[in-house]
Amino acid sequence: KLSPDGLNKVFICDSGSVSVEVAMKMAFQYAL
């Protein structure tokens, strides 16, 4: 509800660096 429109799925993680690692993995797995 708080985030910009269209961001509807949430992966909860432990820290900021891990959040970015998760984002990078999402991008690469999406491409694969």
PDB file of all heavy atoms in Angstrom:
ATOM      1  N   LYS A   1       0.815  -1.215   0.000  1.00  0.00           N
ATOM      2  CA  LYS A   1       0.000   0.000   0.000  1.00  0.00           C
ATOM      3  C   LYS A   1       0.854   1.272   0.000  1.00  0.00           C
ATOM      4  O   LYS A   1       0.497   2.273  -0.633  1.00  0.00           O
ATOM      5  CB  LYS A   1      -0.932   0.003   1.211  1.00  0.00           C
ATOM      6  CG  LYS A   1      -2.078  -0.992   1.124  1.00  0.00           C
ATOM      7  CD  LYS A   1      -2.970  -0.921   2.359  1.00  0.00           C
ATOM      8  CE  LYS A   1      -4.163  -1.860   2.228  1.00  0.00           C
ATOM      9  NZ  LYS A   1      -5.031  -1.838   3.445  1.00  0.00           N
ATOM     10  N   LEU A   2       2.001   1.235   0.710  1.00  0.00           N
ATOM     11  CA  LEU A   2       2.839   2.423   0.837  1.00  0.00           C
ATOM     12  C   LEU A   2       3.713   2.670  -0.381  1.00  0.00           C
ATOM     13  O   LEU A   2       4.007   3.814  -0.720  1.00  0.00           O
ATOM     14  CB  LEU A   2       3.748   2.284   2.060  1.00  0.00           C
ATOM     15  CG  LEU A   2       3.185   2.659   3.423  1.00  0.00           C
ATOM     16  CD1 LEU A   2       4.217   2.363   4.503  1.00  0.00           C
ATOM     17  CD2 LEU A   2       2.797   4.128   3.469  1.00  0.00           C
ATOM     18  N   SER A   3       4.148   1.613  -1.040  1.00  0.00           N
ATOM     19  CA  SER A   3       5.140   1.719  -2.109  1.00  0.00           C
ATOM     20  C   SER A   3       4.499   2.188  -3.414  1.00  0.00           C
ATOM     21  O   SER A   3       3.274   2.190  -3.557  1.00  0.00           O
ATOM     22  CB  SER A   3       5.822   0.365  -2.312  1.00  0.00           C
ATOM     23  OG  SER A   3       4.886  -0.610  -2.725  1.00  0.00           O
ATOM     24  N   PRO A   4       5.318   2.595  -4.382  1.00  0.00           N
ATOM     25  CA  PRO A   4       4.783   3.007  -5.681  1.00  0.00           C
ATOM     26  C   PRO A   4       3.886   1.935  -6.298  1.00  0.00           C
ATOM     27  O   PRO A   4       4.120   0.730  -6.126  1.00  0.00           O
ATOM     28  CB  PRO A   4       6.052   3.219  -6.518  1.00  0.00           C
ATOM     29  CG  PRO A   4       7.086   3.617  -5.512  1.00  0.00           C
ATOM     30  CD  PRO A   4       6.781   2.813  -4.288  1.00  0.00           C
ATOM     31  N   ASP A   5       2.857   2.367  -7.013  1.00  0.00           N
ATOM     32  CA  ASP A   5       1.861   1.464  -7.592  1.00  0.00           C
ATOM     33  C   ASP A   5       2.515   0.386  -8.459  1.00  0.00           C
ATOM     34  O   ASP A   5       3.420   0.674  -9.250  1.00  0.00           O
ATOM     35  CB  ASP A   5       0.861   2.244  -8.446  1.00  0.00           C
ATOM     36  CG  ASP A   5      -0.049   3.118  -7.592  1.00  0.00           C
ATOM     37  OD1 ASP A   5      -0.126   2.867  -6.376  1.00  0.00           O
ATOM     38  OD2 ASP A   5      -0.661   4.047  -8.148  1.00  0.00           O
ATOM     39  N   GLY A   6       2.029  -0.839  -8.295  1.00  0.00           N
ATOM     40  CA  GLY A   6       2.490  -1.940  -9.142  1.00  0.00           C
ATOM     41  C   GLY A   6       3.425  -2.897  -8.458  1.00  0.00           C
ATOM     42  O   GLY A   6       3.663  -4.004  -8.959  1.00  0.00           O
ATOM     43  N   LEU A   7       3.977  -2.494  -7.304  1.00  0.00           N
ATOM     44  CA  LEU A   7       4.858  -3.387  -6.557  1.00  0.00           C
ATOM     45  C   LEU A   7       3.990  -4.209  -5.603  1.00  0.00           C
ATOM     46  O   LEU A   7       3.668  -3.793  -4.497  1.00  0.00           O
ATOM     47  CB  LEU A   7       5.909  -2.572  -5.789  1.00  0.00           C
ATOM     48  CG  LEU A   7       6.894  -1.815  -6.676  1.00  0.00           C
ATOM     49  CD1 LEU A   7       7.634  -0.747  -5.889  1.00  0.00           C
ATOM     50  CD2 LEU A   7       7.890  -2.780  -7.329  1.00  0.00           C
ATOM     51  N   ASN A   8       3.607  -5.383  -6.044  1.00  0.00           N
ATOM     52  CA  ASN A   8       2.584  -6.171  -5.351  1.00  0.00           C
ATOM     53  C   ASN A   8       3.095  -7.406  -4.627  1.00  0.00           C
ATOM     54  O   ASN A   8       2.353  -8.048  -3.889  1.00  0.00           O
ATOM     55  CB  ASN A   8       1.518  -6.614  -6.358  1.00  0.00           C
ATOM     56  CG  ASN A   8       0.789  -5.442  -6.971  1.00  0.00           C
ATOM     57  OD1 ASN A   8       0.456  -4.487  -6.275  1.00  0.00           O
ATOM     58  ND2 ASN A   8       0.566  -5.497  -8.278  1.00  0.00           N
ATOM     59  N   LYS A   9       4.355  -7.765  -4.843  1.00  0.00           N
ATOM     60  CA  LYS A   9       4.917  -8.965  -4.228  1.00  0.00           C
ATOM     61  C   LYS A   9       6.089  -8.561  -3.334  1.00  0.00           C
ATOM     62  O   LYS A   9       6.919  -7.737  -3.716  1.00  0.00           O
ATOM     63  CB  LYS A   9       5.386  -9.958  -5.294  1.00  0.00           C
ATOM     64  CG  LYS A   9       4.273 -10.396  -6.260  1.00  0.00           C
ATOM     65  CD  LYS A   9       3.182 -11.185  -5.538  1.00  0.00           C
ATOM     66  CE  LYS A   9       2.138 -11.742  -6.504  1.00  0.00           C
ATOM     67  NZ  LYS A   9       1.222 -10.705  -7.028  1.00  0.00           N
ATOM     68  N   VAL A  10       6.165  -9.195  -2.129  1.00  0.00           N
ATOM     69  CA  VAL A  10       7.153  -8.797  -1.133  1.00  0.00           C
ATOM     70  C   VAL A  10       7.940 -10.010  -0.656  1.00  0.00           C
ATOM     71  O   VAL A  10       7.358 -11.004  -0.225  1.00  0.00           O
ATOM     72  CB  VAL A  10       6.478  -8.124   0.085  1.00  0.00           C
ATOM     73  CG1 VAL A  10       7.535  -7.610   1.059  1.00  0.00           C
ATOM     74  CG2 VAL A  10       5.559  -6.990  -0.358  1.00  0.00           C
ATOM     75  N   PHE A  11       9.255  -9.922  -0.731  1.00  0.00           N
ATOM     76  CA  PHE A  11      10.145 -10.945  -0.175  1.00  0.00           C
ATOM     77  C   PHE A  11      10.838 -10.322   1.032  1.00  0.00           C
ATOM     78  O   PHE A  11      11.620  -9.372   0.894  1.00  0.00           O
ATOM     79  CB  PHE A  11      11.175 -11.395  -1.219  1.00  0.00           C
ATOM     80  CG  PHE A  11      11.941 -12.629  -0.829  1.00  0.00           C
ATOM     81  CD1 PHE A  11      11.503 -13.884  -1.218  1.00  0.00           C
ATOM     82  CD2 PHE A  11      13.094 -12.544  -0.063  1.00  0.00           C
ATOM     83  CE1 PHE A  11      12.200 -15.039  -0.862  1.00  0.00           C
ATOM     84  CE2 PHE A  11      13.796 -13.686   0.308  1.00  0.00           C
ATOM     85  CZ  PHE A  11      13.345 -14.933  -0.100  1.00  0.00           C
ATOM     86  N   ILE A  12      10.548 -10.840   2.227  1.00  0.00           N
ATOM     87  CA  ILE A  12      11.102 -10.267   3.455  1.00  0.00           C
ATOM     88  C   ILE A  12      12.465 -10.895   3.728  1.00  0.00           C
ATOM     89  O   ILE A  12      12.640 -12.103   3.619  1.00  0.00           O
ATOM     90  CB  ILE A  12      10.158 -10.529   4.646  1.00  0.00           C
ATOM     91  CG1 ILE A  12       8.738 -10.069   4.313  1.00  0.00           C
ATOM     92  CG2 ILE A  12      10.665  -9.801   5.892  1.00  0.00           C
ATOM     93  CD1 ILE A  12       7.712 -10.444   5.365  1.00  0.00           C
ATOM     94  N   CYS A  13      13.437 -10.058   4.084  1.00  0.00           N
ATOM     95  CA  CYS A  13      14.784 -10.572   4.355  1.00  0.00           C
ATOM     96  C   CYS A  13      15.394  -9.873   5.571  1.00  0.00           C
ATOM     97  O   CYS A  13      14.700  -9.144   6.281  1.00  0.00           O
ATOM     98  CB  CYS A  13      15.672 -10.473   3.122  1.00  0.00           C
ATOM     99  SG  CYS A  13      15.479  -8.979   2.160  1.00  0.00           S
ATOM    100  N   ASP A  14      16.679 -10.100   5.782  1.00  0.00           N
ATOM    101  CA  ASP A  14      17.273  -9.787   7.083  1.00  0.00           C
ATOM    102  C   ASP A  14      17.931  -8.410   7.179  1.00  0.00           C
ATOM    103  O   ASP A  14      17.989  -7.833   8.254  1.00  0.00           O
ATOM    104  CB  ASP A  14      18.336 -10.838   7.435  1.00  0.00           C
ATOM    105  CG  ASP A  14      17.781 -12.243   7.427  1.00  0.00           C
ATOM    106  OD1 ASP A  14      16.559 -12.402   7.516  1.00  0.00           O
ATOM    107  OD2 ASP A  14      18.581 -13.196   7.326  1.00  0.00           O
ATOM    108  N   SER A  15      18.474  -7.908   6.088  1.00  0.00           N
ATOM    109  CA  SER A  15      19.236  -6.659   6.162  1.00  0.00           C
ATOM    110  C   SER A  15      19.237  -5.984   4.799  1.00  0.00           C
ATOM    111  O   SER A  15      18.836  -6.581   3.791  1.00  0.00           O
ATOM    112  CB  SER A  15      20.680  -6.932   6.594  1.00  0.00           C
ATOM    113  OG  SER A  15      21.374  -7.627   5.570  1.00  0.00           O
ATOM    114  N   GLY A  16      19.712  -4.754   4.771  1.00  0.00           N
ATOM    115  CA  GLY A  16      19.729  -4.000   3.524  1.00  0.00           C
ATOM    116  C   GLY A  16      20.561  -4.657   2.439  1.00  0.00           C
ATOM    117  O   GLY A  16      20.130  -4.776   1.288  1.00  0.00           O
ATOM    118  N   SER A  17      21.771  -5.092   2.778  1.00  0.00           N
ATOM    119  CA  SER A  17      22.624  -5.742   1.779  1.00  0.00           C
ATOM    120  C   SER A  17      21.965  -6.993   1.228  1.00  0.00           C
ATOM    121  O   SER A  17      22.032  -7.269   0.021  1.00  0.00           O
ATOM    122  CB  SER A  17      23.983  -6.099   2.396  1.00  0.00           C
ATOM    123  OG  SER A  17      24.746  -4.942   2.654  1.00  0.00           O
ATOM    124  N   VAL A  18      21.320  -7.764   2.107  1.00  0.00           N
ATOM    125  CA  VAL A  18      20.636  -8.974   1.640  1.00  0.00           C
ATOM    126  C   VAL A  18      19.466  -8.602   0.733  1.00  0.00           C
ATOM    127  O   VAL A  18      19.198  -9.278  -0.268  1.00  0.00           O
ATOM    128  CB  VAL A  18      20.156  -9.823   2.836  1.00  0.00           C
ATOM    129  CG1 VAL A  18      19.342 -11.014   2.352  1.00  0.00           C
ATOM    130  CG2 VAL A  18      21.341 -10.300   3.665  1.00  0.00           C
ATOM    131  N   SER A  19      18.772  -7.527   1.052  1.00  0.00           N
ATOM    132  CA  SER A  19      17.678  -7.074   0.199  1.00  0.00           C
ATOM    133  C   SER A  19      18.167  -6.788  -1.215  1.00  0.00           C
ATOM    134  O   SER A  19      17.511  -7.147  -2.205  1.00  0.00           O
ATOM    135  CB  SER A  19      17.039  -5.814   0.791  1.00  0.00           C
ATOM    136  OG  SER A  19      16.100  -5.247  -0.092  1.00  0.00           O
ATOM    137  N   VAL A  20      19.326  -6.151  -1.325  1.00  0.00           N
ATOM    138  CA  VAL A  20      19.888  -5.862  -2.657  1.00  0.00           C
ATOM    139  C   VAL A  20      20.342  -7.152  -3.336  1.00  0.00           C
ATOM    140  O   VAL A  20      20.154  -7.338  -4.539  1.00  0.00           O
ATOM    141  CB  VAL A  20      21.037  -4.845  -2.551  1.00  0.00           C
ATOM    142  CG1 VAL A  20      21.647  -4.596  -3.931  1.00  0.00           C
ATOM    143  CG2 VAL A  20      20.539  -3.522  -1.964  1.00  0.00           C
ATOM    144  N   GLU A  21      20.938  -8.052  -2.562  1.00  0.00           N
ATOM    145  CA  GLU A  21      21.329  -9.348  -3.139  1.00  0.00           C
ATOM    146  C   GLU A  21      20.106 -10.078  -3.684  1.00  0.00           C
ATOM    147  O   GLU A  21      20.147 -10.673  -4.765  1.00  0.00           O
ATOM    148  CB  GLU A  21      22.021 -10.206  -2.075  1.00  0.00           C
ATOM    149  CG  GLU A  21      23.337  -9.644  -1.589  1.00  0.00           C
ATOM    150  CD  GLU A  21      24.526 -10.522  -1.920  1.00  0.00           C
ATOM    151  OE1 GLU A  21      24.327 -11.566  -2.560  1.00  0.00           O
ATOM    152  OE2 GLU A  21      25.643 -10.142  -1.564  1.00  0.00           O
ATOM    153  N   VAL A  22      19.011 -10.035  -2.933  1.00  0.00           N
ATOM    154  CA  VAL A  22      17.772 -10.668  -3.383  1.00  0.00           C
ATOM    155  C   VAL A  22      17.282 -10.015  -4.672  1.00  0.00           C
ATOM    156  O   VAL A  22      16.855 -10.698  -5.614  1.00  0.00           O
ATOM    157  CB  VAL A  22      16.692 -10.588  -2.279  1.00  0.00           C
ATOM    158  CG1 VAL A  22      15.316 -10.945  -2.829  1.00  0.00           C
ATOM    159  CG2 VAL A  22      17.053 -11.516  -1.121  1.00  0.00           C
ATOM    160  N   ALA A  23      17.348  -8.700  -4.741  1.00  0.00           N
ATOM    161  CA  ALA A  23      16.924  -7.983  -5.946  1.00  0.00           C
ATOM    162  C   ALA A  23      17.761  -8.388  -7.153  1.00  0.00           C
ATOM    163  O   ALA A  23      17.230  -8.602  -8.258  1.00  0.00           O
ATOM    164  CB  ALA A  23      17.019  -6.476  -5.717  1.00  0.00           C
ATOM    165  N   MET A  24      19.069  -8.493  -6.949  1.00  0.00           N
ATOM    166  CA  MET A  24      19.942  -8.900  -8.041  1.00  0.00           C
ATOM    167  C   MET A  24      19.617 -10.320  -8.493  1.00  0.00           C
ATOM    168  O   MET A  24      19.553 -10.610  -9.690  1.00  0.00           O
ATOM    169  CB  MET A  24      21.400  -8.792  -7.582  1.00  0.00           C
ATOM    170  CG  MET A  24      21.837  -7.363  -7.277  1.00  0.00           C
ATOM    171  SD  MET A  24      23.376  -7.258  -6.351  1.00  0.00           S
ATOM    172  CE  MET A  24      24.538  -7.811  -7.577  1.00  0.00           C
ATOM    173  N   LYS A  25      19.390 -11.207  -7.528  1.00  0.00           N
ATOM    174  CA  LYS A  25      19.059 -12.585  -7.883  1.00  0.00           C
ATOM    175  C   LYS A  25      17.725 -12.637  -8.614  1.00  0.00           C
ATOM    176  O   LYS A  25      17.552 -13.423  -9.558  1.00  0.00           O
ATOM    177  CB  LYS A  25      19.026 -13.460  -6.624  1.00  0.00           C
ATOM    178  CG  LYS A  25      18.840 -14.938  -6.935  1.00  0.00           C
ATOM    179  CD  LYS A  25      18.741 -15.794  -5.682  1.00  0.00           C
ATOM    180  CE  LYS A  25      20.074 -16.100  -5.095  1.00  0.00           C
ATOM    181  NZ  LYS A  25      19.978 -17.117  -4.000  1.00  0.00           N
ATOM    182  N   MET A  26      16.751 -11.829  -8.176  1.00  0.00           N
ATOM    183  CA  MET A  26      15.473 -11.755  -8.892  1.00  0.00           C
ATOM    184  C   MET A  26      15.691 -11.367 -10.355  1.00  0.00           C
ATOM    185  O   MET A  26      15.125 -11.985 -11.264  1.00  0.00           O
ATOM    186  CB  MET A  26      14.552 -10.718  -8.237  1.00  0.00           C
ATOM    187  CG  MET A  26      13.849 -11.171  -6.990  1.00  0.00           C
ATOM    188  SD  MET A  26      12.733  -9.856  -6.389  1.00  0.00           S
ATOM    189  CE  MET A  26      11.993 -10.693  -4.974  1.00  0.00           C
ATOM    190  N   ALA A  27      16.507 -10.338 -10.577  1.00  0.00           N
ATOM    191  CA  ALA A  27      16.737  -9.860 -11.946  1.00  0.00           C
ATOM    192  C   ALA A  27      17.391 -10.938 -12.803  1.00  0.00           C
ATOM    193  O   ALA A  27      16.993 -11.170 -13.956  1.00  0.00           O
ATOM    194  CB  ALA A  27      17.597  -8.595 -11.919  1.00  0.00           C
ATOM    195  N   PHE A  28      18.388 -11.624 -12.243  1.00  0.00           N
ATOM    196  CA  PHE A  28      19.078 -12.653 -13.007  1.00  0.00           C
ATOM    197  C   PHE A  28      18.199 -13.887 -13.227  1.00  0.00           C
ATOM    198  O   PHE A  28      18.191 -14.478 -14.311  1.00  0.00           O
ATOM    199  CB  PHE A  28      20.385 -13.050 -12.310  1.00  0.00           C
ATOM    200  CG  PHE A  28      21.437 -11.980 -12.351  1.00  0.00           C
ATOM    201  CD1 PHE A  28      22.124 -11.619 -11.209  1.00  0.00           C
ATOM    202  CD2 PHE A  28      21.737 -11.328 -13.535  1.00  0.00           C
ATOM    203  CE1 PHE A  28      23.101 -10.633 -11.243  1.00  0.00           C
ATOM    204  CE2 PHE A  28      22.713 -10.337 -13.597  1.00  0.00           C
ATOM    205  CZ  PHE A  28      23.396  -9.983 -12.438  1.00  0.00           C
ATOM    206  N   GLN A  29      17.434 -14.278 -12.217  1.00  0.00           N
ATOM    207  CA  GLN A  29      16.570 -15.448 -12.397  1.00  0.00           C
ATOM    208  C   GLN A  29      15.431 -15.122 -13.360  1.00  0.00           C
ATOM    209  O   GLN A  29      14.982 -15.996 -14.116  1.00  0.00           O
ATOM    210  CB  GLN A  29      16.010 -15.940 -11.053  1.00  0.00           C
ATOM    211  CG  GLN A  29      15.364 -17.322 -11.195  1.00  0.00           C
ATOM    212  CD  GLN A  29      14.925 -17.926  -9.878  1.00  0.00           C
ATOM    213  OE1 GLN A  29      15.383 -17.536  -8.801  1.00  0.00           O
ATOM    214  NE2 GLN A  29      14.017 -18.888  -9.943  1.00  0.00           N
ATOM    215  N   TYR A  30      14.975 -13.877 -13.340  1.00  0.00           N
ATOM    216  CA  TYR A  30      13.957 -13.467 -14.309  1.00  0.00           C
ATOM    217  C   TYR A  30      14.496 -13.618 -15.738  1.00  0.00           C
ATOM    218  O   TYR A  30      13.816 -14.166 -16.624  1.00  0.00           O
ATOM    219  CB  TYR A  30      13.535 -12.025 -14.055  1.00  0.00           C
ATOM    220  CG  TYR A  30      12.554 -11.479 -15.074  1.00  0.00           C
ATOM    221  CD1 TYR A  30      11.191 -11.723 -14.940  1.00  0.00           C
ATOM    222  CD2 TYR A  30      12.992 -10.734 -16.167  1.00  0.00           C
ATOM    223  CE1 TYR A  30      10.282 -11.235 -15.872  1.00  0.00           C
ATOM    224  CE2 TYR A  30      12.092 -10.237 -17.099  1.00  0.00           C
ATOM    225  CZ  TYR A  30      10.744 -10.495 -16.950  1.00  0.00           C
ATOM    226  OH  TYR A  30       9.844 -10.010 -17.880  1.00  0.00           O
ATOM    227  N   ALA A  31      15.725 -13.136 -15.951  1.00  0.00           N
ATOM    228  CA  ALA A  31      16.324 -13.257 -17.283  1.00  0.00           C
ATOM    229  C   ALA A  31      16.469 -14.720 -17.689  1.00  0.00           C
ATOM    230  O   ALA A  31      16.150 -15.099 -18.827  1.00  0.00           O
ATOM    231  CB  ALA A  31      17.682 -12.551 -17.302  1.00  0.00           C
ATOM    232  N   LEU A  32      16.935 -15.553 -16.766  1.00  0.00           N
ATOM    233  CA  LEU A  32      17.087 -16.982 -17.060  1.00  0.00           C
ATOM    234  C   LEU A  32      15.740 -17.618 -17.395  1.00  0.00           C
ATOM    235  O   LEU A  32      15.632 -18.422 -18.332  1.00  0.00           O
ATOM    236  CB  LEU A  32      17.719 -17.689 -15.866  1.00  0.00           C
ATOM    237  CG  LEU A  32      19.199 -17.401 -15.589  1.00  0.00           C
ATOM    238  CD1 LEU A  32      19.604 -17.976 -14.236  1.00  0.00           C
ATOM    239  CD2 LEU A  32      20.079 -17.972 -16.698  1.00  0.00           C
TER     240      LEU A  32
END
